[in-house]
């Protein structure tokens, strides 16, 4: 059978931040005094792109995502260089989505027009809250008024804008959260990503909780806030096409995130970036060194940053289960065949999942308890 490669996404990890938020467990560093290192990192990213393109061969590029870190701190000309390199290496879809994550500071908003000119057509804006006390608690370097200005500026510069929000903060009430969602909906953005605050091990918030400086909301309150998220955004015309992502219409969905959730291929460049690559002899997990100097050294020595690990059929099926059930599309039953899930095990989940002729889909009742569903299904006989 002839190998037909899937569509391709590209993730670019830019690890520098002006400050490290206390809830963040991403692979990030402070950007102060690192200009020379950043120049070397950009060269390594471009070399890594060439190396991974030689490995993959021709693919149809459907998305580019600049994440981090704070990629809006990149010089717009450097963003353009990465986009141009990707377009040179892989034929791009006519509707190629190019997303860049940004914080809503006045300094970063001042770069929006230049970033749009560089080729970015979708901005993911980390607003997180429109309450000044909540923003101070989250360690953000902007206030609510600055965030509102940034959203307005972004919508004038980019065809698509997504707003990130964080909920389930200490002392946050259901009424206050519903009001915050309504405010963001009134901005006119077509995509909102509300994330429940998670206390990640090793973060400043983890240390604060262990010292009893604050306590996360109870499970019952967190569940109530989740339900308010669904009902409020649905009333505003947003569909929860994924557990934490809501869009007004199909065109507003994140094409890059759909690459992950549909099990398509993606290249990851930059320190600590991950990828999934389908080659003629099987699917591979790709991962680059986390430390910036280690990543640069590997690319300079090997011509490529990614280290590849074969994925078994079971590994691939587990990944499809984990990612696919997060979406309203669900996962194709054919993708789950290596798990040999007994029909009785699906039936035992009652109304938490729905089985059609071709797909397994989590219901509205099931999506808040995906961990339970996946643990049940992944432990197939």
Protein backbone atom coordinates (compact mmCIF):
# COMPACT_ATOMS: atom_id res chain seq x y z
CA UNK A 1 0.00 0.00 0.00
CA UNK A 2 1.32 3.44 -0.93
CA UNK A 3 2.17 5.67 2.06
CA UNK A 4 -0.10 8.73 2.15
CA UNK A 5 1.25 11.26 4.66
CA UNK A 6 -1.27 13.29 6.66
CA UNK A 7 -1.42 17.11 6.73
CA UNK A 8 1.34 18.85 8.66
CA UNK A 9 1.38 21.43 11.43
CA UNK A 10 4.47 23.24 12.71
CA UNK A 11 4.99 24.23 16.35
CA UNK A 12 7.73 26.77 17.14
CA UNK A 13 8.69 27.06 20.81
CA UNK A 14 10.11 30.45 21.81
CA UNK A 15 10.94 30.08 25.54
CA UNK A 16 11.56 33.68 26.61
CA UNK A 17 9.21 35.59 28.92
CA UNK A 18 9.35 39.04 30.51
CA UNK A 19 8.33 37.37 33.78
CA UNK A 20 7.45 33.84 34.90
CA UNK A 21 3.81 33.49 36.01
CA UNK A 22 3.38 31.60 39.31
CA UNK A 23 1.05 28.98 37.76
CA UNK A 24 3.26 28.24 34.73
CA UNK A 25 5.06 24.92 34.33
CA UNK A 26 6.01 25.40 30.67
CA UNK A 27 9.61 25.33 29.44
CA UNK A 28 10.31 29.06 29.86
CA UNK A 29 13.09 31.41 31.03
CA UNK A 30 13.37 35.13 31.75
CA UNK A 31 14.47 37.01 28.63
CA UNK A 32 16.67 39.55 30.40
CA UNK A 33 20.27 39.55 29.12
CA UNK A 34 19.70 36.76 26.61
CA UNK A 35 19.83 38.61 23.28
CA UNK A 36 22.94 36.78 22.04
CA UNK A 37 21.46 33.43 23.03
CA UNK A 38 18.21 34.32 21.26
CA UNK A 39 20.13 35.01 18.04
CA UNK A 40 21.75 31.58 18.29
CA UNK A 41 18.39 30.00 19.04
CA UNK A 42 16.79 31.54 15.95
CA UNK A 43 19.59 30.14 13.77
CA UNK A 44 19.12 26.72 15.38
CA UNK A 45 15.35 26.81 14.75
CA UNK A 46 15.91 27.58 11.07
CA UNK A 47 18.52 24.81 10.75
CA UNK A 48 16.24 22.38 12.58
CA UNK A 49 13.43 23.15 10.12
CA UNK A 50 15.71 22.21 7.22
CA UNK A 51 16.75 19.01 8.97
CA UNK A 52 13.24 17.86 9.80
CA UNK A 53 11.99 18.74 6.32
CA UNK A 54 14.68 16.47 4.83
CA UNK A 55 13.45 13.69 7.10
CA UNK A 56 9.77 14.16 6.25
CA UNK A 57 9.79 14.99 2.56
CA UNK A 58 6.95 16.87 0.92
CA UNK A 59 3.89 17.55 3.06
CA UNK A 60 0.97 19.95 2.90
CA UNK A 61 1.50 22.58 5.61
CA UNK A 62 -1.83 23.58 7.18
CA UNK A 63 -0.74 25.50 10.29
CA UNK A 64 2.12 27.22 12.08
CA UNK A 65 1.90 27.97 15.79
CA UNK A 66 4.38 30.17 17.68
CA UNK A 67 4.10 29.26 21.37
CA UNK A 68 6.21 29.53 24.46
CA UNK A 69 7.14 31.43 26.39
CA UNK A 70 6.08 34.69 24.86
CA UNK A 71 6.71 34.64 21.11
CA UNK A 72 5.31 38.16 20.75
CA UNK A 73 8.67 39.21 22.22
CA UNK A 74 10.30 37.98 19.00
CA UNK A 75 11.31 40.59 16.48
CA UNK A 76 8.67 40.61 13.73
CA UNK A 77 11.40 40.15 11.14
CA UNK A 78 12.49 36.94 12.86
CA UNK A 79 8.90 35.67 12.90
CA UNK A 80 8.77 36.39 9.15
CA UNK A 81 12.00 34.41 8.61
CA UNK A 82 10.54 31.33 10.27
CA UNK A 83 7.30 31.58 8.31
CA UNK A 84 9.16 32.06 5.04
CA UNK A 85 11.40 29.06 5.79
CA UNK A 86 8.40 26.84 6.51
CA UNK A 87 6.66 27.93 3.30
CA UNK A 88 9.85 27.23 1.34
CA UNK A 89 10.19 23.74 2.79
CA UNK A 90 6.58 22.56 2.52
CA UNK A 91 3.76 23.48 0.12
CA UNK A 92 1.30 25.53 2.16
CA UNK A 93 -2.45 25.22 2.14
CA UNK A 94 -4.25 28.19 0.63
CA UNK A 95 -5.79 28.91 4.02
CA UNK A 96 -2.58 28.36 6.03
CA UNK A 97 -3.23 29.35 9.65
CA UNK A 98 -0.35 31.16 11.38
CA UNK A 99 -0.98 31.67 15.10
CA UNK A 100 1.19 33.54 17.57
CA UNK A 101 0.70 33.73 21.33
CA UNK A 102 0.90 37.18 22.92
CA UNK A 103 0.39 38.89 26.24
CA UNK A 104 -1.78 42.03 26.27
CA UNK A 105 0.86 44.53 27.38
CA UNK A 106 1.06 47.89 25.64
CA UNK A 107 4.60 47.07 24.48
CA UNK A 108 3.53 43.84 22.78
CA UNK A 109 0.36 45.39 21.34
CA UNK A 110 2.61 47.94 19.68
CA UNK A 111 4.06 45.06 17.61
CA UNK A 112 0.75 43.65 16.42
CA UNK A 113 0.69 45.42 13.05
CA UNK A 114 4.28 44.39 12.30
CA UNK A 115 3.55 40.78 13.30
CA UNK A 116 0.55 40.75 10.97
CA UNK A 117 2.75 42.07 8.18
CA UNK A 118 5.24 39.28 8.97
CA UNK A 119 2.56 36.70 8.13
CA UNK A 120 0.71 36.05 11.39
CA UNK A 121 -3.04 35.83 10.72
CA UNK A 122 -4.31 34.58 14.08
CA UNK A 123 -3.41 35.96 17.51
CA UNK A 124 -3.89 34.00 20.74
CA UNK A 125 -4.07 36.64 23.46
CA UNK A 126 -3.39 35.69 27.07
CA UNK A 127 -5.89 38.02 28.75
CA UNK A 128 -6.51 35.50 31.60
CA UNK A 129 -8.82 37.87 33.54
CA UNK A 130 -10.54 41.26 33.37
CA UNK A 131 -10.32 41.78 37.12
CA UNK A 132 -7.29 43.69 38.41
CA UNK A 133 -7.14 41.78 41.70
CA UNK A 134 -7.25 38.45 39.87
CA UNK A 135 -4.54 39.61 37.45
CA UNK A 136 -2.32 40.60 40.38
CA UNK A 137 -2.89 37.19 41.99
CA UNK A 138 -1.94 35.49 38.70
CA UNK A 139 1.28 37.50 38.51
CA UNK A 140 0.36 39.10 35.20
CA UNK A 141 2.20 42.22 33.99
CA UNK A 142 -0.91 43.98 32.68
CA UNK A 143 -4.15 45.29 34.10
CA UNK A 144 -7.71 44.93 32.80
CA UNK A 145 -7.73 48.25 30.95
CA UNK A 146 -4.53 47.29 29.12
CA UNK A 147 -6.06 43.94 28.20
CA UNK A 148 -9.12 45.61 26.70
CA UNK A 149 -6.92 47.92 24.62
CA UNK A 150 -4.88 44.97 23.42
CA UNK A 151 -7.97 43.04 22.30
CA UNK A 152 -9.20 46.08 20.37
CA UNK A 153 -5.78 46.51 18.75
CA UNK A 154 -5.54 42.81 17.91
CA UNK A 155 -8.94 42.76 16.24
CA UNK A 156 -7.89 45.68 14.05
CA UNK A 157 -4.72 43.85 12.96
CA UNK A 158 -5.59 40.15 12.62
CA UNK A 159 -8.38 38.26 10.81
CA UNK A 160 -8.75 35.93 13.80
CA UNK A 161 -8.26 36.59 17.51
CA UNK A 162 -8.54 34.10 20.36
CA UNK A 163 -8.70 35.08 24.03
CA UNK A 164 -7.38 32.87 26.84
CA UNK A 165 -8.99 33.05 30.28
CA UNK A 166 -8.26 31.31 33.59
CA UNK A 167 -11.03 30.40 36.02
CA UNK A 168 -11.50 28.55 39.32
CA UNK A 169 -9.40 31.13 41.13
CA UNK A 170 -9.58 31.40 44.94
CA UNK A 171 -12.67 33.37 46.01
CA UNK A 172 -14.02 33.54 42.45
CA UNK A 173 -17.81 33.35 42.46
CA UNK A 174 -20.00 31.82 39.77
CA UNK A 175 -21.65 35.21 39.17
CA UNK A 176 -18.31 36.96 38.69
CA UNK A 177 -17.11 34.29 36.27
CA UNK A 178 -20.30 34.45 34.20
CA UNK A 179 -19.94 38.23 34.02
CA UNK A 180 -16.31 37.94 32.88
CA UNK A 181 -17.28 35.54 30.09
CA UNK A 182 -20.03 37.91 28.96
CA UNK A 183 -17.54 40.81 28.85
CA UNK A 184 -15.14 38.86 26.63
CA UNK A 185 -18.02 37.72 24.42
CA UNK A 186 -18.95 41.36 23.92
CA UNK A 187 -15.49 42.07 22.48
CA UNK A 188 -16.58 40.34 19.28
CA UNK A 189 -13.80 37.73 19.23
CA UNK A 190 -14.66 34.44 17.53
CA UNK A 191 -12.65 32.10 19.77
CA UNK A 192 -12.32 31.83 23.57
CA UNK A 193 -10.18 29.33 25.49
CA UNK A 194 -11.16 29.15 29.18
CA UNK A 195 -8.79 27.02 31.27
CA UNK A 196 -9.38 25.88 34.83
CA UNK A 197 -6.50 26.87 37.09
CA UNK A 198 -4.41 23.77 37.73
CA UNK A 199 -1.82 23.70 40.51
CA UNK A 200 1.14 22.13 38.72
CA UNK A 201 3.93 20.49 40.76
CA UNK A 202 7.03 22.62 41.15
CA UNK A 203 5.36 25.95 40.38
CA UNK A 204 5.21 28.94 42.71
CA UNK A 205 1.48 28.27 43.19
CA UNK A 206 2.24 24.69 44.19
CA UNK A 207 4.58 25.95 46.88
CA UNK A 208 2.01 28.51 48.02
CA UNK A 209 -0.74 25.91 48.33
CA UNK A 210 1.51 23.57 50.29
CA UNK A 211 2.32 26.49 52.63
CA UNK A 212 -1.47 27.07 52.95
CA UNK A 213 -1.24 30.61 51.58
CA UNK A 214 -4.34 29.90 49.53
CA UNK A 215 -6.55 26.95 48.60
CA UNK A 216 -8.02 26.08 45.19
CA UNK A 217 -11.82 25.92 44.92
CA UNK A 218 -13.57 22.74 45.98
CA UNK A 219 -14.34 20.15 43.33
CA UNK A 220 -18.02 21.03 43.53
CA UNK A 221 -17.37 24.73 42.91
CA UNK A 222 -14.94 23.97 40.09
CA UNK A 223 -17.61 21.76 38.48
CA UNK A 224 -20.17 24.55 38.82
CA UNK A 225 -17.78 27.03 37.18
CA UNK A 226 -17.21 24.57 34.34
CA UNK A 227 -20.97 24.26 33.75
CA UNK A 228 -21.31 28.06 33.81
CA UNK A 229 -18.57 28.24 31.18
CA UNK A 230 -20.50 25.91 28.89
CA UNK A 231 -23.91 27.53 29.32
CA UNK A 232 -22.73 31.15 29.18
CA UNK A 233 -20.61 30.73 26.07
CA UNK A 234 -23.28 28.64 24.34
CA UNK A 235 -25.77 31.46 24.94
CA UNK A 236 -23.26 33.84 23.33
CA UNK A 237 -23.07 31.69 20.21
CA UNK A 238 -19.90 29.72 20.97
CA UNK A 239 -19.65 25.96 20.44
CA UNK A 240 -17.43 23.95 22.80
CA UNK A 241 -15.72 22.07 19.99
CA UNK A 242 -13.09 20.89 22.50
CA UNK A 243 -13.11 20.72 26.29
CA UNK A 244 -11.37 24.09 26.76
CA UNK A 245 -11.93 25.71 23.36
CA UNK A 246 -15.05 27.51 22.15
CA UNK A 247 -15.59 28.94 18.67
CA UNK A 248 -18.27 30.87 16.83
CA UNK A 249 -18.57 28.70 13.72
CA UNK A 250 -16.33 26.18 12.00
CA UNK A 251 -14.05 28.82 10.48
CA UNK A 252 -13.10 30.13 13.93
CA UNK A 253 -11.82 26.76 15.19
CA UNK A 254 -8.07 26.50 15.72
CA UNK A 255 -6.70 24.51 12.77
CA UNK A 256 -3.43 23.92 14.58
CA UNK A 257 -5.06 22.45 17.66
CA UNK A 258 -7.16 20.23 15.42
CA UNK A 259 -3.89 18.81 14.09
CA UNK A 260 -3.19 17.52 17.61
CA UNK A 261 -6.70 16.36 18.37
CA UNK A 262 -7.16 14.57 15.03
CA UNK A 263 -3.85 12.72 15.28
CA UNK A 264 -2.30 14.45 12.28
CA UNK A 265 1.43 15.17 11.94
CA UNK A 266 3.29 18.10 13.45
CA UNK A 267 6.92 19.18 13.55
CA UNK A 268 8.21 20.73 16.77
CA UNK A 269 11.21 23.07 16.77
CA UNK A 270 12.75 25.01 19.63
CA UNK A 271 13.84 23.78 23.09
CA UNK A 272 11.54 21.15 24.59
CA UNK A 273 9.26 21.03 21.55
CA UNK A 274 7.36 17.83 20.76
CA UNK A 275 6.24 16.41 17.43
CA UNK A 276 4.46 13.46 15.85
CA UNK A 277 5.75 12.27 12.50
CA UNK A 278 4.34 9.59 10.22
CA UNK A 279 7.14 8.04 8.20
CA UNK A 280 7.02 5.23 5.68
CA UNK A 281 8.11 2.72 8.34
CA UNK A 282 5.81 3.91 11.13
CA UNK A 283 4.83 6.78 13.39
CA UNK A 284 7.41 8.47 15.59
CA UNK A 285 7.26 10.68 18.67
CA UNK A 286 9.74 13.55 18.38
CA UNK A 287 11.20 15.60 21.22
CA UNK A 288 13.98 18.19 21.37
CA UNK A 289 16.28 18.90 24.36
CA UNK A 290 14.61 21.18 26.93
CA UNK A 291 17.60 23.33 27.85
CA UNK A 292 18.27 26.09 25.34
CA UNK A 293 22.07 25.49 25.15
CA UNK A 294 21.51 21.73 24.74
CA UNK A 295 19.04 22.30 21.92
CA UNK A 296 21.39 24.67 20.10
CA UNK A 297 24.33 22.28 20.54
CA UNK A 298 22.37 19.30 19.22
CA UNK A 299 21.17 21.18 16.14
CA UNK A 300 24.68 22.45 15.41
CA UNK A 301 26.11 18.92 15.75
CA UNK A 302 23.34 16.87 14.13
CA UNK A 303 21.57 19.30 11.83
CA UNK A 304 18.29 18.43 13.53
CA UNK A 305 16.93 18.96 17.03
CA UNK A 306 14.39 16.17 17.26
CA UNK A 307 15.10 12.80 18.83
CA UNK A 308 12.69 10.16 17.47
CA UNK A 309 11.00 7.33 19.36
CA UNK A 310 8.87 4.67 17.59
CA UNK A 311 5.23 4.48 18.66
CA UNK A 312 3.55 1.09 18.84
CA UNK A 313 0.04 0.57 17.52
CA UNK A 314 -1.18 0.57 21.12
CA UNK A 315 0.70 3.81 21.86
CA UNK A 316 -0.97 5.42 18.86
CA UNK A 317 -4.41 4.19 19.88
CA UNK A 318 -3.99 5.51 23.43
CA UNK A 319 -3.00 8.91 22.04
CA UNK A 320 -6.03 8.96 19.76
CA UNK A 321 -8.25 8.12 22.72
CA UNK A 322 -6.68 10.85 24.88
CA UNK A 323 -6.86 13.55 22.23
CA UNK A 324 -9.90 12.62 20.18
CA UNK A 325 -12.35 12.32 23.06
CA UNK A 326 -11.62 15.93 23.98
CA UNK A 327 -13.48 17.09 20.86
CA UNK A 328 -17.07 17.04 19.64
CA UNK A 329 -15.79 14.97 16.70
CA UNK A 330 -14.65 12.15 18.95
CA UNK A 331 -12.31 9.48 17.65
CA UNK A 332 -12.69 7.01 14.79
CA UNK A 333 -13.42 3.48 15.97
CA UNK A 334 -10.81 2.19 13.53
CA UNK A 335 -8.14 4.18 15.39
CA UNK A 336 -9.01 2.33 18.60
CA UNK A 337 -8.86 -1.23 17.22
CA UNK A 338 -5.44 -1.99 18.80
CA UNK A 339 -7.01 -1.51 22.25
CA UNK A 340 -9.65 -4.21 21.63
CA UNK A 341 -12.09 -2.43 23.92
CA UNK A 342 -14.88 -4.86 24.93
CA UNK A 343 -18.34 -3.51 24.03
CA UNK A 344 -19.43 -4.14 27.62
CA UNK A 345 -16.81 -1.70 28.85
CA UNK A 346 -18.30 1.07 26.71
CA UNK A 347 -21.80 0.11 27.85
CA UNK A 348 -20.67 0.34 31.48
CA UNK A 349 -19.97 4.03 30.97
CA UNK A 350 -23.66 4.67 30.50
CA UNK A 351 -24.37 8.09 29.06
CA UNK A 352 -20.78 9.33 29.30
CA UNK A 353 -19.89 8.22 25.76
CA UNK A 354 -21.83 7.70 22.56
CA UNK A 355 -20.90 5.00 20.05
CA UNK A 356 -21.88 5.55 16.42
CA UNK A 357 -21.22 3.33 13.43
CA UNK A 358 -17.81 4.92 12.89
CA UNK A 359 -16.87 7.01 15.96
CA UNK A 360 -16.68 7.10 19.74
CA UNK A 361 -17.73 10.46 21.18
CA UNK A 362 -17.81 11.78 24.74
CA UNK A 363 -21.19 13.27 25.60
CA UNK A 364 -21.74 16.58 27.38
CA UNK A 365 -22.02 14.59 30.61
CA UNK A 366 -18.83 12.72 29.86
CA UNK A 367 -16.53 15.58 28.92
CA UNK A 368 -16.05 16.85 32.51
CA UNK A 369 -14.93 13.35 33.58
CA UNK A 370 -12.68 12.40 30.66
CA UNK A 371 -9.93 11.13 32.95
CA UNK A 372 -12.32 8.52 34.33
CA UNK A 373 -13.52 7.53 30.84
CA UNK A 374 -10.04 7.21 29.40
CA UNK A 375 -8.75 5.19 32.35
CA UNK A 376 -11.68 2.80 31.93
CA UNK A 377 -11.24 2.40 28.16
CA UNK A 378 -7.46 2.31 28.04
CA UNK A 379 -7.38 -0.60 30.46
CA UNK A 380 -8.88 -2.88 27.83
CA UNK A 381 -8.52 -6.64 28.06
